[in-house]
Amino acid sequence: MKQIVVVAVFALLASACDSGANKDAQKVAGVLTGDSKGAASDNPICKLFKPGELEAYAGEALNAGGNAGLGYACQWTAKDGEGNVMVTIVGADDAEIPSLAPGFRKLPDIGTRGFVVNDMGWAAGAVRGKDFVKVSISGPKASDATAIALLKETLKRQP
């Protein structure tokens, strides 16, 4: 009888510990995606585009935007799970310019330090004022031209 009680106590403790671990993991995930800051519908970056507007750039149907990058980005994933579009806006001091990446190309006519690069899909970015804006596209229509076009459109829409 004592063995059954001991086993039951261990089972309850393990269950309680597992529940805490799941909650901790959910908290960490919320911080990493930006969900801890609020819903994607409140993220100003997610408000820049509707999925249908971005489908022309990706070449496939996209889901609604979701928080990403600690809340400094919004990501629209492909409905088939194979591609995505992401827009990131951070302070200019945090600009990541992958100038050593193969295929890196400067875009001097788009903002300061503008670039396009093939990096697991296509990415384009530039510093404008106090912000660094970067877009990335992975999907059937992803190309340097679509990344540049999306960057230009994002810069037009960015407040």
Foldseek 3Di string as FASTA:
>chain_A
DVVVVVVVVVVVVVVVVVVVVVVVVVVVVCQQQQCVVHWCVPQVQLVLDAQVVCCVLAVAGWDRWGGHGRSQKIKTAGPVRFKIKMKGKDFPVPDDQPVVAPPWDADPVQEARWIWHADQFIKIWYDDDGMIMMMGIHHDNGDSVSNVVVHVSSVVRDD
